[in-house]
Amino acid sequence: MMAAGAKRKGEMGEAPGAKRTPGHWSQGLLSSMDDPELRVDADDKVVIIKDKYPKALHHFLILPKEKIANLKKLKSEHILLLKHIHKKGIEIAEKADKNLQFRFGYHAVPSMSHLHMHVISQDFNSPFLKTKKHWNSFTTEYFIDSKDILDQLEDKGRVETNTTENEQLLKRELRCTVFLCTLCSSYDG
């Protein structure tokens, strides 16, 4: 029986000898792309799946079919693809719930390999939102807006992130975020 990682290797066009740990949890998105229970939509460029461990009421991942490991592998030639991913994010958010606010973005230092954009409602109502790291990964600068990634790619032809600085963001003390907290407007302290 062939491992899911081995099957996907050929399908995704990965170069022979590329560094990869078949079956490692960080490669899970590749197999999730084909999971009919998670798959929401697909076209010739992307696959949209439900996050296995959603951090909000609505939490989707949009993954390109093209093999792109992470933000640092993006080049100018990917601008149209990222614009398409953003457009699909808007579409899936509108289908999910027009009354909720959504954000579209990427983790600066993702734990899962294969580029993916998060489409996440801002209610953060989830039993999987358990740790400070989970909260901070979506409510600090660690979560980079899709349009900011596009701007950087258009300006510089690449995306630059500082791994050390971004990993420190995950360790920050918990903070209320203005766009979430309806009580903050009445709080004077």
Protein backbone atom coordinates (compact mmCIF):
# COMPACT_ATOMS: atom_id res chain seq x y z
CA MET A 1 0.00 0.00 0.00
CA MET A 2 1.39 3.38 -1.00
CA ALA A 3 1.60 6.09 1.65
CA ALA A 4 -0.51 9.19 1.01
CA GLY A 5 2.66 11.28 0.90
CA ALA A 6 4.15 9.09 -1.83
CA LYS A 7 0.99 9.28 -3.91
CA ARG A 8 0.79 13.04 -3.60
CA LYS A 9 4.48 13.44 -4.37
CA GLY A 10 4.02 12.51 -7.99
CA GLU A 11 0.72 14.35 -8.37
CA MET A 12 2.08 17.61 -6.99
CA GLY A 13 5.13 17.57 -9.25
CA GLU A 14 7.65 17.53 -6.41
CA ALA A 15 11.24 17.15 -7.55
CA PRO A 16 12.93 13.80 -6.88
CA GLY A 17 15.05 13.94 -3.75
CA ALA A 18 13.13 16.90 -2.31
CA LYS A 19 13.28 17.04 1.48
CA ARG A 20 10.08 15.56 2.83
CA THR A 21 8.98 13.29 5.64
CA PRO A 22 6.25 11.00 4.26
CA GLY A 23 3.37 10.69 6.68
CA HIS A 24 4.63 13.46 8.97
CA TRP A 25 1.77 15.53 10.44
CA SER A 26 3.15 18.73 8.86
CA GLN A 27 2.35 17.24 5.43
CA GLY A 28 -1.29 16.59 6.36
CA LEU A 29 -2.72 19.30 4.12
CA LEU A 30 -1.74 17.37 1.02
CA SER A 31 -3.92 14.42 1.97
CA SER A 32 -6.67 16.71 3.28
CA MET A 33 -7.03 18.19 -0.20
CA ASP A 34 -8.46 14.85 -1.36
CA ASP A 35 -10.60 14.15 1.72
CA PRO A 36 -14.27 14.33 0.62
CA GLU A 37 -15.36 15.07 4.20
CA LEU A 38 -13.18 18.20 4.30
CA ARG A 39 -13.38 19.33 0.68
CA VAL A 40 -15.76 22.23 0.13
CA ASP A 41 -14.92 23.34 -3.41
CA ALA A 42 -12.26 23.14 -6.09
CA ASP A 43 -11.42 24.50 -9.49
CA ASP A 44 -8.48 24.15 -11.86
CA LYS A 45 -6.19 26.21 -9.57
CA VAL A 46 -7.24 25.63 -5.95
CA VAL A 47 -8.89 23.33 -3.46
CA ILE A 48 -10.94 24.68 -0.55
CA ILE A 49 -11.22 22.56 2.57
CA LYS A 50 -12.67 22.94 6.04
CA ASP A 51 -9.94 23.25 8.66
CA LYS A 52 -9.77 19.96 10.60
CA TYR A 53 -9.36 21.89 13.85
CA PRO A 54 -11.29 25.11 13.22
CA LYS A 55 -10.49 28.06 15.46
CA ALA A 56 -13.82 29.75 14.69
CA LEU A 57 -17.35 28.92 13.63
CA HIS A 58 -16.22 29.11 9.98
CA HIS A 59 -12.61 28.27 9.19
CA PHE A 60 -11.53 27.27 5.68
CA LEU A 61 -8.18 26.75 4.00
CA ILE A 62 -7.58 27.55 0.35
CA LEU A 63 -4.67 25.61 -1.12
CA PRO A 64 -3.19 25.97 -4.58
CA LYS A 65 -2.96 22.79 -6.63
CA GLU A 66 0.50 23.93 -7.64
CA LYS A 67 3.19 22.68 -5.27
CA ILE A 68 4.26 25.74 -3.23
CA ALA A 69 5.72 24.92 0.18
CA ASN A 70 5.27 28.28 1.93
CA LEU A 71 5.29 32.07 1.60
CA LYS A 72 9.06 32.21 1.07
CA LYS A 73 8.69 30.14 -2.12
CA LEU A 74 6.38 32.68 -3.75
CA LYS A 75 7.59 34.64 -6.77
CA SER A 76 6.13 37.37 -8.98
CA GLU A 77 4.72 34.67 -11.24
CA HIS A 78 2.35 33.68 -8.40
CA ILE A 79 0.58 37.06 -8.17
CA LEU A 80 -2.38 35.99 -10.32
CA LEU A 81 -2.72 32.76 -8.34
CA LEU A 82 -2.79 34.64 -5.03
CA LYS A 83 -5.39 37.06 -6.39
CA HIS A 84 -7.48 34.04 -7.40
CA ILE A 85 -7.06 32.52 -3.92
CA HIS A 86 -8.19 35.80 -2.32
CA LYS A 87 -11.22 36.00 -4.63
CA LYS A 88 -12.18 32.41 -3.75
CA GLY A 89 -11.83 33.35 -0.07
CA ILE A 90 -14.33 36.15 -0.44
CA GLU A 91 -16.73 33.81 -2.24
CA ILE A 92 -16.55 31.08 0.41
CA ALA A 93 -16.98 33.61 3.25
CA GLU A 94 -20.10 35.05 1.61
CA LYS A 95 -21.54 31.56 1.18
CA ALA A 96 -20.74 30.63 4.79
CA ASP A 97 -22.32 33.64 6.53
CA LYS A 98 -22.89 37.16 5.22
CA ASN A 99 -23.49 38.44 8.75
CA LEU A 100 -20.07 37.53 10.16
CA GLN A 101 -16.80 39.37 9.68
CA PHE A 102 -14.05 37.28 8.05
CA ARG A 103 -10.32 37.71 7.63
CA PHE A 104 -8.22 36.29 4.82
CA GLY A 105 -4.58 35.63 5.48
CA TYR A 106 -1.52 33.52 5.99
CA HIS A 107 0.51 32.53 9.03
CA ALA A 108 3.96 34.08 8.90
CA VAL A 109 5.54 30.80 9.98
CA PRO A 110 3.00 28.05 9.22
CA SER A 111 3.18 24.74 11.06
CA MET A 112 1.78 22.90 8.04
CA SER A 113 3.66 22.55 4.77
CA HIS A 114 1.97 23.60 1.53
CA LEU A 115 0.90 27.17 1.05
CA HIS A 116 -2.60 27.87 2.33
CA MET A 117 -4.71 30.92 2.98
CA HIS A 118 -7.01 30.93 6.00
CA VAL A 119 -10.55 32.20 5.64
CA ILE A 120 -11.70 32.60 9.23
CA SER A 121 -14.74 34.16 10.84
CA GLN A 122 -13.89 36.54 13.62
CA ASP A 123 -16.16 35.00 16.26
CA PHE A 124 -13.40 32.57 17.39
CA ASN A 125 -16.11 30.30 18.72
CA SER A 126 -14.46 26.88 18.78
CA PRO A 127 -13.53 24.07 21.15
CA PHE A 128 -10.20 23.87 19.28
CA LEU A 129 -9.13 27.37 20.33
CA LYS A 130 -7.32 26.09 23.40
CA THR A 131 -3.98 27.85 23.78
CA LYS A 132 -2.39 31.27 23.75
CA LYS A 133 -0.54 30.20 20.60
CA HIS A 134 -3.84 29.45 18.85
CA TRP A 135 -5.27 32.86 19.76
CA ASN A 136 -2.13 34.80 18.90
CA SER A 137 -1.70 33.04 15.57
CA PHE A 138 -4.90 34.73 14.35
CA THR A 139 -5.02 37.99 16.36
CA THR A 140 -1.48 39.37 16.07
CA GLU A 141 0.73 40.41 13.17
CA TYR A 142 1.62 36.71 12.90
CA PHE A 143 -1.53 36.48 10.78
CA ILE A 144 -0.63 38.39 7.62
CA ASP A 145 -3.51 39.76 5.59
CA SER A 146 -3.77 38.32 2.09
CA LYS A 147 -3.65 41.79 0.54
CA ASP A 148 -0.42 42.57 2.41
CA ILE A 149 1.16 39.41 0.99
CA LEU A 150 0.04 40.44 -2.50
CA ASP A 151 1.41 43.97 -2.03
CA GLN A 152 4.78 42.65 -0.90
CA LEU A 153 4.93 40.20 -3.79
CA GLU A 154 4.06 42.93 -6.28
CA ASP A 155 6.59 45.37 -4.80
CA LYS A 156 9.54 43.05 -4.14
CA GLY A 157 8.85 39.94 -6.19
CA ARG A 158 9.05 37.85 -3.00
CA VAL A 159 7.64 37.61 0.52
CA GLU A 160 9.91 38.23 3.47
CA THR A 161 9.09 37.18 7.01
CA ASN A 162 11.28 37.21 10.09
CA THR A 163 10.89 33.79 11.68
CA THR A 164 12.34 34.78 15.07
CA GLU A 165 10.22 37.92 15.43
CA ASN A 166 7.08 36.14 14.28
CA GLU A 167 7.53 33.20 16.61
CA GLN A 168 7.79 35.69 19.50
CA LEU A 169 4.31 36.97 18.60
CA LEU A 170 2.88 33.57 19.49
CA LYS A 171 4.27 33.97 23.03
CA ARG A 172 2.69 37.36 23.67
CA GLU A 173 0.29 37.76 26.54
CA LEU A 174 -3.33 37.49 25.50
CA ARG A 175 -4.87 40.74 24.34
CA CYS A 176 -8.34 41.79 23.44
CA THR A 177 -8.62 42.68 19.78
CA VAL A 178 -10.62 45.77 18.87
CA PHE A 179 -12.48 44.09 16.02
CA LEU A 180 -13.69 41.32 18.35
CA CYS A 181 -14.51 42.99 21.62
CA THR A 182 -17.88 44.69 21.87
CA LEU A 183 -17.32 45.45 25.56
CA CYS A 184 -14.13 47.44 25.01
CA SER A 185 -15.99 50.55 23.92
CA SER A 186 -17.51 50.84 27.40
CA TYR A 187 -14.28 49.96 29.23
CA ASP A 188 -12.28 52.91 30.59
CA GLY A 189 -9.31 51.05 32.08
